Amino acid sequence: MKRLMYIFLAVISVMTYGTAAFGQSEVLLNQFSEKAPIMRVFGQSSAPVGFIKFCAISPQDCRRTAKFHGRVDLTPARWQELEEINHIVNSTVVPVTDEELYGEVERWSYPKRYGDCEDYVLLKRKLLAQRGWPMSALLITVVRDEIGDGHAVLTVRTAQGDFMLDNKRKDVLVWHKVPYQYVKRQSYLNPALWVSLEETGPRGVLNQTGVE
């Protein structure tokens, strides 16, 4: 019964948010009429331990399957999908630590009702992929947050720049507008590989050595 109620509430959230956001998506997208900066990379990096364990359990979610590696054109409809999925997942998943939920320091998994930042990211990535977004545009990203703690967000690569979906923020934001230090993320060419990022927030200068 509780599971059915959870699904019902999630569906209501989709319907309510979709109705409210439909008329706003084009207005919001107009804020980014000029291309946003894109993240810079400077070489390969090691994958997080939690990601490696997740891939061992769900290898189908870590394979290089995408034939399209370009940037997605961020139309009003696409923008609405980002806003909608970010809202749905943020509002239906209850934040808890892995130690509280599993008794482990680190476990990445799809949340059923509870989860931490990586779990939010995995679910957003999965739901957007189900709507036709290429996996090469949906990249798990590791950052240091405002107080220096490790945190995970979803970077979305678009023709208009890189945007970020974060369980700590209700809106989809241009990545460099958030005061995070960017550490590493998946490679768009191969989701099993990770690349280092210039640790750049609003205070930083973009590294010019590489672009993804």
C-alpha atoms as a PDB file:
ATOM      1  CA  MET A   1       0.000   0.000   0.000  1.00  0.00           C
ATOM      2  CA  LYS A   2       2.813   2.426   0.904  1.00  0.00           C
ATOM      3  CA  ARG A   3       4.525   1.665  -2.409  1.00  0.00           C
ATOM      4  CA  LEU A   4       1.311   2.396  -4.335  1.00  0.00           C
ATOM      5  CA  MET A   5       0.860   5.654  -2.439  1.00  0.00           C
ATOM      6  CA  TYR A   6       4.432   6.682  -3.302  1.00  0.00           C
ATOM      7  CA  ILE A   7       3.847   5.995  -7.003  1.00  0.00           C
ATOM      8  CA  PHE A   8       0.543   7.898  -6.864  1.00  0.00           C
ATOM      9  CA  LEU A   9       2.203  10.933  -5.281  1.00  0.00           C
ATOM     10  CA  ALA A  10       4.984  10.854  -7.871  1.00  0.00           C
ATOM     11  CA  VAL A  11       2.440  10.805 -10.720  1.00  0.00           C
ATOM     12  CA  ILE A  12       0.516  13.718  -9.170  1.00  0.00           C
ATOM     13  CA  SER A  13       3.797  15.622  -8.852  1.00  0.00           C
ATOM     14  CA  VAL A  14       4.564  15.047 -12.540  1.00  0.00           C
ATOM     15  CA  MET A  15       1.122  16.230 -13.621  1.00  0.00           C
ATOM     16  CA  THR A  16       1.098  19.281 -11.360  1.00  0.00           C
ATOM     17  CA  TYR A  17       4.598  20.404 -12.197  1.00  0.00           C
ATOM     18  CA  GLY A  18       4.198  19.738 -15.904  1.00  0.00           C
ATOM     19  CA  THR A  19       1.113  21.971 -16.045  1.00  0.00           C
ATOM     20  CA  ALA A  20       2.788  24.784 -14.116  1.00  0.00           C
ATOM     21  CA  ALA A  21       6.081  24.602 -16.014  1.00  0.00           C
ATOM     22  CA  PHE A  22       4.710  24.353 -19.540  1.00  0.00           C
ATOM     23  CA  GLY A  23       4.116  28.074 -19.891  1.00  0.00           C
ATOM     24  CA  GLN A  24       7.386  28.979 -18.161  1.00  0.00           C
ATOM     25  CA  SER A  25       9.887  26.798 -20.039  1.00  0.00           C
ATOM     26  CA  GLU A  26      10.418  29.160 -22.971  1.00  0.00           C
ATOM     27  CA  VAL A  27      10.723  32.146 -20.630  1.00  0.00           C
ATOM     28  CA  LEU A  28      13.336  30.339 -18.546  1.00  0.00           C
ATOM     29  CA  LEU A  29      15.237  29.197 -21.615  1.00  0.00           C
ATOM     30  CA  ASN A  30      15.426  32.781 -22.863  1.00  0.00           C
ATOM     31  CA  GLN A  31      17.662  33.545 -19.905  1.00  0.00           C
ATOM     32  CA  PHE A  32      20.343  31.548 -21.731  1.00  0.00           C
ATOM     33  CA  SER A  33      20.033  33.122 -25.171  1.00  0.00           C
ATOM     34  CA  GLU A  34      23.818  33.361 -25.220  1.00  0.00           C
ATOM     35  CA  LYS A  35      25.839  30.192 -24.896  1.00  0.00           C
ATOM     36  CA  ALA A  36      26.931  29.368 -21.361  1.00  0.00           C
ATOM     37  CA  PRO A  37      30.570  28.433 -20.702  1.00  0.00           C
ATOM     38  CA  ILE A  38      31.411  24.760 -21.005  1.00  0.00           C
ATOM     39  CA  MET A  39      33.474  22.724 -18.580  1.00  0.00           C
ATOM     40  CA  ARG A  40      37.149  22.236 -19.345  1.00  0.00           C
ATOM     41  CA  VAL A  41      39.032  18.983 -18.841  1.00  0.00           C
ATOM     42  CA  PHE A  42      42.718  18.194 -18.568  1.00  0.00           C
ATOM     43  CA  GLY A  43      43.156  14.444 -18.653  1.00  0.00           C
ATOM     44  CA  GLN A  44      41.838  11.190 -17.320  1.00  0.00           C
ATOM     45  CA  SER A  45      40.878  10.597 -13.715  1.00  0.00           C
ATOM     46  CA  SER A  46      39.989   7.615 -11.558  1.00  0.00           C
ATOM     47  CA  ALA A  47      36.350   6.613 -11.221  1.00  0.00           C
ATOM     48  CA  PRO A  48      34.786   6.953  -7.757  1.00  0.00           C
ATOM     49  CA  VAL A  49      34.719   3.728  -5.768  1.00  0.00           C
ATOM     50  CA  GLY A  50      30.933   3.908  -5.467  1.00  0.00           C
ATOM     51  CA  PHE A  51      30.625   4.174  -9.236  1.00  0.00           C
ATOM     52  CA  ILE A  52      32.862   1.142  -9.794  1.00  0.00           C
ATOM     53  CA  LYS A  53      30.718  -0.917  -7.421  1.00  0.00           C
ATOM     54  CA  PHE A  54      27.546   0.348  -9.094  1.00  0.00           C
ATOM     55  CA  CYS A  55      28.842  -0.698 -12.520  1.00  0.00           C
ATOM     56  CA  ALA A  56      29.655  -4.164 -11.214  1.00  0.00           C
ATOM     57  CA  ILE A  57      26.006  -4.548 -10.198  1.00  0.00           C
ATOM     58  CA  SER A  58      24.462  -2.660 -13.152  1.00  0.00           C
ATOM     59  CA  PRO A  59      26.943  -3.012 -16.054  1.00  0.00           C
ATOM     60  CA  GLN A  60      24.258  -2.099 -18.593  1.00  0.00           C
ATOM     61  CA  ASP A  61      24.257   1.433 -17.170  1.00  0.00           C
ATOM     62  CA  CYS A  62      28.002   1.875 -17.655  1.00  0.00           C
ATOM     63  CA  ARG A  63      28.538   0.580 -21.177  1.00  0.00           C
ATOM     64  CA  ARG A  64      29.542   2.728 -24.126  1.00  0.00           C
ATOM     65  CA  THR A  65      26.409   2.426 -26.252  1.00  0.00           C
ATOM     66  CA  ALA A  66      25.716   5.954 -27.494  1.00  0.00           C
ATOM     67  CA  LYS A  67      26.223   6.545 -31.201  1.00  0.00           C
ATOM     68  CA  PHE A  68      25.604  10.264 -30.790  1.00  0.00           C
ATOM     69  CA  HIS A  69      28.298  12.236 -28.982  1.00  0.00           C
ATOM     70  CA  GLY A  70      27.337  15.762 -29.986  1.00  0.00           C
ATOM     71  CA  ARG A  71      25.652  18.367 -27.835  1.00  0.00           C
ATOM     72  CA  VAL A  72      21.869  18.324 -27.516  1.00  0.00           C
ATOM     73  CA  ASP A  73      20.021  21.401 -28.758  1.00  0.00           C
ATOM     74  CA  LEU A  74      18.291  22.844 -25.719  1.00  0.00           C
ATOM     75  CA  THR A  75      14.815  23.582 -27.077  1.00  0.00           C
ATOM     76  CA  PRO A  76      12.002  24.837 -24.801  1.00  0.00           C
ATOM     77  CA  ALA A  77      10.632  21.278 -24.680  1.00  0.00           C
ATOM     78  CA  ARG A  78      14.026  19.878 -23.682  1.00  0.00           C
ATOM     79  CA  TRP A  79      14.452  22.580 -21.068  1.00  0.00           C
ATOM     80  CA  GLN A  80      11.061  21.704 -19.627  1.00  0.00           C
ATOM     81  CA  GLU A  81      12.122  18.053 -19.356  1.00  0.00           C
ATOM     82  CA  LEU A  82      15.200  19.030 -17.364  1.00  0.00           C
ATOM     83  CA  GLU A  83      13.193  21.222 -15.000  1.00  0.00           C
ATOM     84  CA  GLU A  84      10.501  18.578 -14.624  1.00  0.00           C
ATOM     85  CA  ILE A  85      12.793  15.642 -13.891  1.00  0.00           C
ATOM     86  CA  ASN A  86      14.876  17.713 -11.494  1.00  0.00           C
ATOM     87  CA  HIS A  87      11.730  18.740  -9.624  1.00  0.00           C
ATOM     88  CA  ILE A  88      10.186  15.260  -9.534  1.00  0.00           C
ATOM     89  CA  VAL A  89      13.275  13.492  -8.210  1.00  0.00           C
ATOM     90  CA  ASN A  90      14.153  16.236  -5.723  1.00  0.00           C
ATOM     91  CA  SER A  91      10.629  16.285  -4.323  1.00  0.00           C
ATOM     92  CA  THR A  92      10.011  12.521  -4.107  1.00  0.00           C
ATOM     93  CA  VAL A  93      13.346  11.148  -2.846  1.00  0.00           C
ATOM     94  CA  VAL A  94      14.098  11.709   0.836  1.00  0.00           C
ATOM     95  CA  PRO A  95      17.776  12.532   1.513  1.00  0.00           C
ATOM     96  CA  VAL A  96      19.618  10.127   3.814  1.00  0.00           C
ATOM     97  CA  THR A  97      23.237   9.019   4.038  1.00  0.00           C
ATOM     98  CA  ASP A  98      24.435   5.592   2.921  1.00  0.00           C
ATOM     99  CA  GLU A  99      25.404   4.820   6.494  1.00  0.00           C
ATOM    100  CA  GLU A 100      21.864   5.538   7.652  1.00  0.00           C
ATOM    101  CA  LEU A 101      20.272   3.589   4.819  1.00  0.00           C
ATOM    102  CA  TYR A 102      22.663   0.686   4.244  1.00  0.00           C
ATOM    103  CA  GLY A 103      25.148   0.792   7.086  1.00  0.00           C
ATOM    104  CA  GLU A 104      27.887   1.435   4.491  1.00  0.00           C
ATOM    105  CA  VAL A 105      30.126   4.431   3.872  1.00  0.00           C
ATOM    106  CA  GLU A 106      29.425   4.514   0.138  1.00  0.00           C
ATOM    107  CA  ARG A 107      26.838   2.771  -2.038  1.00  0.00           C
ATOM    108  CA  TRP A 108      25.474   4.096  -5.324  1.00  0.00           C
ATOM    109  CA  SER A 109      22.037   2.793  -6.292  1.00  0.00           C
ATOM    110  CA  TYR A 110      18.692   3.809  -7.751  1.00  0.00           C
ATOM    111  CA  PRO A 111      16.592   5.198  -4.912  1.00  0.00           C
ATOM    112  CA  LYS A 112      13.209   3.658  -4.185  1.00  0.00           C
ATOM    113  CA  ARG A 113      12.271   6.250  -1.578  1.00  0.00           C
ATOM    114  CA  TYR A 114      15.485   7.319   0.132  1.00  0.00           C
ATOM    115  CA  GLY A 115      18.965   8.137  -1.141  1.00  0.00           C
ATOM    116  CA  ASP A 116      21.973  10.430  -1.100  1.00  0.00           C
ATOM    117  CA  CYS A 117      23.304  12.786  -3.772  1.00  0.00           C
ATOM    118  CA  GLU A 118      24.676  10.066  -6.090  1.00  0.00           C
ATOM    119  CA  ASP A 119      21.352   8.249  -5.999  1.00  0.00           C
ATOM    120  CA  TYR A 120      19.491  11.400  -7.040  1.00  0.00           C
ATOM    121  CA  VAL A 121      21.899  11.757  -9.952  1.00  0.00           C
ATOM    122  CA  LEU A 122      21.497   8.160 -11.085  1.00  0.00           C
ATOM    123  CA  LEU A 123      17.705   8.424 -11.102  1.00  0.00           C
ATOM    124  CA  LYS A 124      17.656  11.750 -12.974  1.00  0.00           C
ATOM    125  CA  ARG A 125      20.063  10.298 -15.536  1.00  0.00           C
ATOM    126  CA  LYS A 126      17.889   7.219 -15.998  1.00  0.00           C
ATOM    127  CA  LEU A 127      14.615   9.150 -16.334  1.00  0.00           C
ATOM    128  CA  LEU A 128      16.071  11.594 -18.860  1.00  0.00           C
ATOM    129  CA  ALA A 129      17.543   8.715 -20.879  1.00  0.00           C
ATOM    130  CA  GLN A 130      14.086   7.147 -20.956  1.00  0.00           C
ATOM    131  CA  ARG A 131      12.838  10.360 -22.534  1.00  0.00           C
ATOM    132  CA  GLY A 132      15.351  10.073 -25.329  1.00  0.00           C
ATOM    133  CA  TRP A 133      18.305  12.041 -24.017  1.00  0.00           C
ATOM    134  CA  PRO A 134      21.615  10.453 -25.121  1.00  0.00           C
ATOM    135  CA  MET A 135      23.741   9.149 -22.266  1.00  0.00           C
ATOM    136  CA  SER A 136      26.682  11.120 -23.676  1.00  0.00           C
ATOM    137  CA  ALA A 137      24.812  14.283 -22.624  1.00  0.00           C
ATOM    138  CA  LEU A 138      24.094  13.089 -19.068  1.00  0.00           C
ATOM    139  CA  LEU A 139      27.289  12.975 -17.052  1.00  0.00           C
ATOM    140  CA  ILE A 140      27.716  12.151 -13.365  1.00  0.00           C
ATOM    141  CA  THR A 141      29.962  14.847 -11.879  1.00  0.00           C
ATOM    142  CA  VAL A 142      31.865  15.010  -8.589  1.00  0.00           C
ATOM    143  CA  VAL A 143      32.312  18.392  -6.903  1.00  0.00           C
ATOM    144  CA  ARG A 144      33.253  19.972  -3.602  1.00  0.00           C
ATOM    145  CA  ASP A 145      30.303  21.901  -2.224  1.00  0.00           C
ATOM    146  CA  GLU A 146      30.200  25.228  -0.366  1.00  0.00           C
ATOM    147  CA  ILE A 147      31.740  23.747   2.770  1.00  0.00           C
ATOM    148  CA  GLY A 148      34.235  21.516   0.986  1.00  0.00           C
ATOM    149  CA  ASP A 149      32.343  18.234   1.277  1.00  0.00           C
ATOM    150  CA  GLY A 150      32.201  15.750  -1.575  1.00  0.00           C
ATOM    151  CA  HIS A 151      28.985  15.984  -3.579  1.00  0.00           C
ATOM    152  CA  ALA A 152      27.570  14.646  -6.856  1.00  0.00           C
ATOM    153  CA  VAL A 153      25.481  16.447  -9.482  1.00  0.00           C
ATOM    154  CA  LEU A 154      24.316  15.695 -13.009  1.00  0.00           C
ATOM    155  CA  THR A 155      25.951  17.715 -15.783  1.00  0.00           C
ATOM    156  CA  VAL A 156      23.885  18.063 -18.968  1.00  0.00           C
ATOM    157  CA  ARG A 157      25.841  18.860 -22.144  1.00  0.00           C
ATOM    158  CA  THR A 158      23.875  21.023 -24.555  1.00  0.00           C
ATOM    159  CA  ALA A 159      24.606  23.166 -27.583  1.00  0.00           C
ATOM    160  CA  GLN A 160      23.850  26.145 -25.339  1.00  0.00           C
ATOM    161  CA  GLY A 161      26.433  25.144 -22.715  1.00  0.00           C
ATOM    162  CA  ASP A 162      26.713  22.900 -19.663  1.00  0.00           C
ATOM    163  CA  PHE A 163      23.905  22.869 -17.099  1.00  0.00           C
ATOM    164  CA  MET A 164      23.603  21.243 -13.708  1.00  0.00           C
ATOM    165  CA  LEU A 165      20.870  19.266 -11.936  1.00  0.00           C
ATOM    166  CA  ASP A 166      21.419  19.222  -8.188  1.00  0.00           C
ATOM    167  CA  ASN A 167      19.355  17.734  -5.370  1.00  0.00           C
ATOM    168  CA  LYS A 168      20.297  20.752  -3.231  1.00  0.00           C
ATOM    169  CA  ARG A 169      18.735  23.231  -5.655  1.00  0.00           C
ATOM    170  CA  LYS A 170      15.255  23.385  -7.124  1.00  0.00           C
ATOM    171  CA  ASP A 171      16.285  25.002 -10.423  1.00  0.00           C
ATOM    172  CA  VAL A 172      18.422  23.775 -13.297  1.00  0.00           C
ATOM    173  CA  LEU A 173      21.420  26.097 -13.336  1.00  0.00           C
ATOM    174  CA  VAL A 174      24.369  27.019 -15.514  1.00  0.00           C
ATOM    175  CA  TRP A 175      27.231  25.075 -13.950  1.00  0.00           C
ATOM    176  CA  HIS A 176      29.564  28.025 -13.276  1.00  0.00           C
ATOM    177  CA  LYS A 177      26.856  29.965 -11.416  1.00  0.00           C
ATOM    178  CA  VAL A 178      27.055  27.540  -8.482  1.00  0.00           C
ATOM    179  CA  PRO A 179      29.873  27.992  -5.915  1.00  0.00           C
ATOM    180  CA  TYR A 180      31.244  24.462  -6.279  1.00  0.00           C
ATOM    181  CA  GLN A 181      34.740  23.255  -7.026  1.00  0.00           C
ATOM    182  CA  TYR A 182      34.489  20.867  -9.955  1.00  0.00           C
ATOM    183  CA  VAL A 183      36.673  17.788  -9.558  1.00  0.00           C
ATOM    184  CA  LYS A 184      35.830  15.159 -12.193  1.00  0.00           C
ATOM    185  CA  ARG A 185      33.045  13.679 -14.284  1.00  0.00           C
ATOM    186  CA  GLN A 186      32.268  10.912 -16.717  1.00  0.00           C
ATOM    187  CA  SER A 187      33.680  11.186 -20.221  1.00  0.00           C
ATOM    188  CA  TYR A 188      31.005  11.826 -22.828  1.00  0.00           C
ATOM    189  CA  LEU A 189      32.779   9.379 -25.130  1.00  0.00           C
ATOM    190  CA  ASN A 190      32.638   6.495 -22.651  1.00  0.00           C
ATOM    191  CA  PRO A 191      30.528   6.542 -19.458  1.00  0.00           C
ATOM    192  CA  ALA A 192      32.889   4.048 -17.798  1.00  0.00           C
ATOM    193  CA  LEU A 193      35.813   6.486 -18.045  1.00  0.00           C
ATOM    194  CA  TRP A 194      36.284   9.640 -15.971  1.00  0.00           C
ATOM    195  CA  VAL A 195      38.081  12.898 -16.722  1.00  0.00           C
ATOM    196  CA  SER A 196      39.530  15.588 -14.465  1.00  0.00           C
ATOM    197  CA  LEU A 197      37.929  19.022 -14.417  1.00  0.00           C
ATOM    198  CA  GLU A 198      39.320  22.434 -13.751  1.00  0.00           C
ATOM    199  CA  GLU A 199      38.204  23.217 -10.192  1.00  0.00           C
ATOM    200  CA  THR A 200      36.278  26.234 -11.355  1.00  0.00           C
ATOM    201  CA  GLY A 201      33.355  28.053  -9.863  1.00  0.00           C
ATOM    202  CA  PRO A 202      32.368  31.696 -10.217  1.00  0.00           C
ATOM    203  CA  ARG A 203      35.731  32.659  -8.716  1.00  0.00           C
ATOM    204  CA  GLY A 204      37.878  30.722 -11.162  1.00  0.00           C
ATOM    205  CA  VAL A 205      39.319  31.028 -14.637  1.00  0.00           C
ATOM    206  CA  LEU A 206      38.605  28.326 -17.190  1.00  0.00           C
ATOM    207  CA  ASN A 207      41.471  26.031 -18.062  1.00  0.00           C
ATOM    208  CA  GLN A 208      42.214  26.237 -21.781  1.00  0.00           C
ATOM    209  CA  THR A 209      43.921  22.840 -22.158  1.00  0.00           C
ATOM    210  CA  GLY A 210      40.925  20.775 -23.140  1.00  0.00           C
ATOM    211  CA  VAL A 211      37.215  20.769 -23.764  1.00  0.00           C
ATOM    212  CA  GLU A 212      34.554  18.094 -23.482  1.00  0.00           C
END
